[in-house]
Amino acid sequence: MRLRHLYIGLCLLGAILPYSQFLPWLDAHGLDLSLFFSELFSTRIGAFFGLDVLVSALVLFVFMAVEGRRLGMTNLWLPAVATVALGVSLGLPLFLYMRQNTLDARTPGDSGAAPRG
């Protein structure tokens, strides 16, 4: 299996799992951002996860900018929008998929798999 195929699978998982929880909440409450953040930070464990995701998203944006520029990647707006709209669980594997495609295009015949040894 090519590494980029794994990343696409993780994109699907990263989109389906969070939205399986968010869409019923959205259906019940609408797009009430005040309630959203109130519920997210209503407990210490919720705040722990909320802050962890926010910091992870910031790190991802820096990584996408630096690595994307280094490799000359295009369309970096796509994983950025995916991160804002859905979360790090989609934005990170999408960026890694795009990065792997860029790397694979530079090294024809490379499967993207880890070396055996």
C-alpha atoms as a PDB file:
ATOM      1  CA  MET A   1       0.000   0.000   0.000  1.00  0.00           C
ATOM      2  CA  ARG A   2       1.286   3.450  -0.854  1.00  0.00           C
ATOM      3  CA  LEU A   3       1.642   5.908   1.981  1.00  0.00           C
ATOM      4  CA  ARG A   4      -0.632   8.420   0.283  1.00  0.00           C
ATOM      5  CA  HIS A   5      -3.441   5.841   0.287  1.00  0.00           C
ATOM      6  CA  LEU A   6      -3.092   5.551   4.053  1.00  0.00           C
ATOM      7  CA  TYR A   7      -3.314   9.339   4.327  1.00  0.00           C
ATOM      8  CA  ILE A   8      -6.529   9.396   2.264  1.00  0.00           C
ATOM      9  CA  GLY A   9      -8.007   6.744   4.569  1.00  0.00           C
ATOM     10  CA  LEU A  10      -7.036   8.869   7.560  1.00  0.00           C
ATOM     11  CA  CYS A  11      -8.676  11.889   5.889  1.00  0.00           C
ATOM     12  CA  LEU A  12     -11.929   9.952   5.695  1.00  0.00           C
ATOM     13  CA  LEU A  13     -11.651   8.833   9.298  1.00  0.00           C
ATOM     14  CA  GLY A  14     -10.714  12.365  10.361  1.00  0.00           C
ATOM     15  CA  ALA A  15     -13.813  13.740   8.670  1.00  0.00           C
ATOM     16  CA  ILE A  16     -16.352  11.065   9.590  1.00  0.00           C
ATOM     17  CA  LEU A  17     -15.596  10.582  13.297  1.00  0.00           C
ATOM     18  CA  PRO A  18     -15.674  14.247  14.401  1.00  0.00           C
ATOM     19  CA  TYR A  19     -18.705  15.047  12.283  1.00  0.00           C
ATOM     20  CA  SER A  20     -20.558  12.021  13.678  1.00  0.00           C
ATOM     21  CA  GLN A  21     -20.593  13.967  16.945  1.00  0.00           C
ATOM     22  CA  PHE A  22     -20.817  17.520  15.638  1.00  0.00           C
ATOM     23  CA  LEU A  23     -23.723  17.151  13.187  1.00  0.00           C
ATOM     24  CA  PRO A  24     -26.243  15.909  15.806  1.00  0.00           C
ATOM     25  CA  TRP A  25     -25.158  18.774  18.094  1.00  0.00           C
ATOM     26  CA  LEU A  26     -25.544  21.225  15.207  1.00  0.00           C
ATOM     27  CA  ASP A  27     -28.992  19.807  14.450  1.00  0.00           C
ATOM     28  CA  ALA A  28     -30.063  20.270  18.065  1.00  0.00           C
ATOM     29  CA  HIS A  29     -28.558  23.721  18.688  1.00  0.00           C
ATOM     30  CA  GLY A  30     -27.880  25.341  15.340  1.00  0.00           C
ATOM     31  CA  LEU A  31     -24.687  27.305  14.792  1.00  0.00           C
ATOM     32  CA  ASP A  32     -24.623  28.775  18.299  1.00  0.00           C
ATOM     33  CA  LEU A  33     -20.927  29.579  18.692  1.00  0.00           C
ATOM     34  CA  SER A  34     -21.402  30.950  22.189  1.00  0.00           C
ATOM     35  CA  LEU A  35     -22.957  27.660  23.338  1.00  0.00           C
ATOM     36  CA  PHE A  36     -20.350  25.686  21.399  1.00  0.00           C
ATOM     37  CA  PHE A  37     -17.426  27.307  23.229  1.00  0.00           C
ATOM     38  CA  SER A  38     -19.297  27.307  26.509  1.00  0.00           C
ATOM     39  CA  GLU A  39     -19.821  23.544  26.298  1.00  0.00           C
ATOM     40  CA  LEU A  40     -16.314  22.911  24.987  1.00  0.00           C
ATOM     41  CA  PHE A  41     -14.692  24.706  27.917  1.00  0.00           C
ATOM     42  CA  SER A  42     -17.271  23.832  30.596  1.00  0.00           C
ATOM     43  CA  THR A  43     -15.015  21.201  32.171  1.00  0.00           C
ATOM     44  CA  ARG A  44     -11.283  20.973  32.649  1.00  0.00           C
ATOM     45  CA  ILE A  45     -11.051  17.855  30.476  1.00  0.00           C
ATOM     46  CA  GLY A  46     -13.043  19.555  27.716  1.00  0.00           C
ATOM     47  CA  ALA A  47     -10.765  22.597  27.972  1.00  0.00           C
ATOM     48  CA  PHE A  48      -7.751  20.274  27.863  1.00  0.00           C
ATOM     49  CA  PHE A  49      -8.903  18.778  24.556  1.00  0.00           C
ATOM     50  CA  GLY A  50     -10.073  22.110  23.147  1.00  0.00           C
ATOM     51  CA  LEU A  51      -6.780  23.847  23.875  1.00  0.00           C
ATOM     52  CA  ASP A  52      -4.810  20.842  22.637  1.00  0.00           C
ATOM     53  CA  VAL A  53      -6.611  21.002  19.290  1.00  0.00           C
ATOM     54  CA  LEU A  54      -6.153  24.771  18.999  1.00  0.00           C
ATOM     55  CA  VAL A  55      -2.405  24.516  19.644  1.00  0.00           C
ATOM     56  CA  SER A  56      -2.161  21.535  17.269  1.00  0.00           C
ATOM     57  CA  ALA A  57      -3.900  23.556  14.558  1.00  0.00           C
ATOM     58  CA  LEU A  58      -1.448  26.428  15.060  1.00  0.00           C
ATOM     59  CA  VAL A  59       1.507  24.026  14.803  1.00  0.00           C
ATOM     60  CA  LEU A  60      -0.031  22.501  11.672  1.00  0.00           C
ATOM     61  CA  PHE A  61      -0.386  25.929  10.009  1.00  0.00           C
ATOM     62  CA  VAL A  62       3.289  26.675  10.699  1.00  0.00           C
ATOM     63  CA  PHE A  63       4.333  23.228   9.423  1.00  0.00           C
ATOM     64  CA  MET A  64       2.210  23.602   6.280  1.00  0.00           C
ATOM     65  CA  ALA A  65       3.701  27.010   5.517  1.00  0.00           C
ATOM     66  CA  VAL A  66       7.318  25.989   6.087  1.00  0.00           C
ATOM     67  CA  GLU A  67       7.197  22.525   4.522  1.00  0.00           C
ATOM     68  CA  GLY A  68       4.909  23.644   1.709  1.00  0.00           C
ATOM     69  CA  ARG A  69       7.292  26.456   0.784  1.00  0.00           C
ATOM     70  CA  ARG A  70      10.327  24.151   1.059  1.00  0.00           C
ATOM     71  CA  LEU A  71       8.786  21.614  -1.337  1.00  0.00           C
ATOM     72  CA  GLY A  72       7.147  24.168  -3.640  1.00  0.00           C
ATOM     73  CA  MET A  73       3.684  22.754  -2.957  1.00  0.00           C
ATOM     74  CA  THR A  74       0.571  24.361  -4.413  1.00  0.00           C
ATOM     75  CA  ASN A  75      -2.993  24.613  -3.125  1.00  0.00           C
ATOM     76  CA  LEU A  76      -1.931  24.825   0.518  1.00  0.00           C
ATOM     77  CA  TRP A  77      -5.165  26.687   1.168  1.00  0.00           C
ATOM     78  CA  LEU A  78      -7.027  23.360   0.909  1.00  0.00           C
ATOM     79  CA  PRO A  79      -5.697  21.695   4.091  1.00  0.00           C
ATOM     80  CA  ALA A  80      -5.856  25.092   5.851  1.00  0.00           C
ATOM     81  CA  VAL A  81      -9.567  25.408   5.045  1.00  0.00           C
ATOM     82  CA  ALA A  82     -10.108  21.744   5.994  1.00  0.00           C
ATOM     83  CA  THR A  83      -8.456  22.399   9.361  1.00  0.00           C
ATOM     84  CA  VAL A  84     -10.603  25.454  10.075  1.00  0.00           C
ATOM     85  CA  ALA A  85     -13.824  23.868   8.800  1.00  0.00           C
ATOM     86  CA  LEU A  86     -13.408  20.403  10.243  1.00  0.00           C
ATOM     87  CA  GLY A  87     -10.278  20.181  12.340  1.00  0.00           C
ATOM     88  CA  VAL A  88      -6.734  18.915  12.585  1.00  0.00           C
ATOM     89  CA  SER A  89      -8.059  15.373  12.125  1.00  0.00           C
ATOM     90  CA  LEU A  90      -8.719  16.200   8.461  1.00  0.00           C
ATOM     91  CA  GLY A  91      -6.259  19.021   7.801  1.00  0.00           C
ATOM     92  CA  LEU A  92      -3.148  17.106   8.869  1.00  0.00           C
ATOM     93  CA  PRO A  93      -3.688  13.905   6.860  1.00  0.00           C
ATOM     94  CA  LEU A  94      -4.816  15.987   3.866  1.00  0.00           C
ATOM     95  CA  PHE A  95      -1.605  18.018   4.010  1.00  0.00           C
ATOM     96  CA  LEU A  96       0.453  14.832   4.424  1.00  0.00           C
ATOM     97  CA  TYR A  97      -1.353  13.313   1.416  1.00  0.00           C
ATOM     98  CA  MET A  98      -0.554  16.384  -0.680  1.00  0.00           C
ATOM     99  CA  ARG A  99       3.034  16.397   0.590  1.00  0.00           C
ATOM    100  CA  GLN A 100       3.448  12.702  -0.270  1.00  0.00           C
ATOM    101  CA  ASN A 101       2.104  13.319  -3.770  1.00  0.00           C
ATOM    102  CA  THR A 102       4.702  16.065  -4.204  1.00  0.00           C
ATOM    103  CA  LEU A 103       7.476  13.799  -2.951  1.00  0.00           C
ATOM    104  CA  ASP A 104       6.299  10.868  -5.099  1.00  0.00           C
ATOM    105  CA  ALA A 105       6.301  13.082  -8.185  1.00  0.00           C
ATOM    106  CA  ARG A 106       9.968  13.899  -7.532  1.00  0.00           C
ATOM    107  CA  THR A 107      11.028  10.264  -7.061  1.00  0.00           C
ATOM    108  CA  PRO A 108       9.295   8.159  -9.722  1.00  0.00           C
ATOM    109  CA  GLY A 109       8.944   4.498  -8.845  1.00  0.00           C
ATOM    110  CA  ASP A 110       9.072   5.139  -5.090  1.00  0.00           C
ATOM    111  CA  SER A 111       6.104   3.559  -3.384  1.00  0.00           C
ATOM    112  CA  GLY A 112       6.218   5.892  -0.410  1.00  0.00           C
ATOM    113  CA  ALA A 113       6.513   2.880   1.848  1.00  0.00           C
ATOM    114  CA  ALA A 114       8.990   2.694   4.676  1.00  0.00           C
ATOM    115  CA  PRO A 115      12.268   1.036   3.720  1.00  0.00           C
ATOM    116  CA  ARG A 116      12.603  -2.592   4.727  1.00  0.00           C
ATOM    117  CA  GLY A 117      15.566  -3.677   6.635  1.00  0.00           C
END
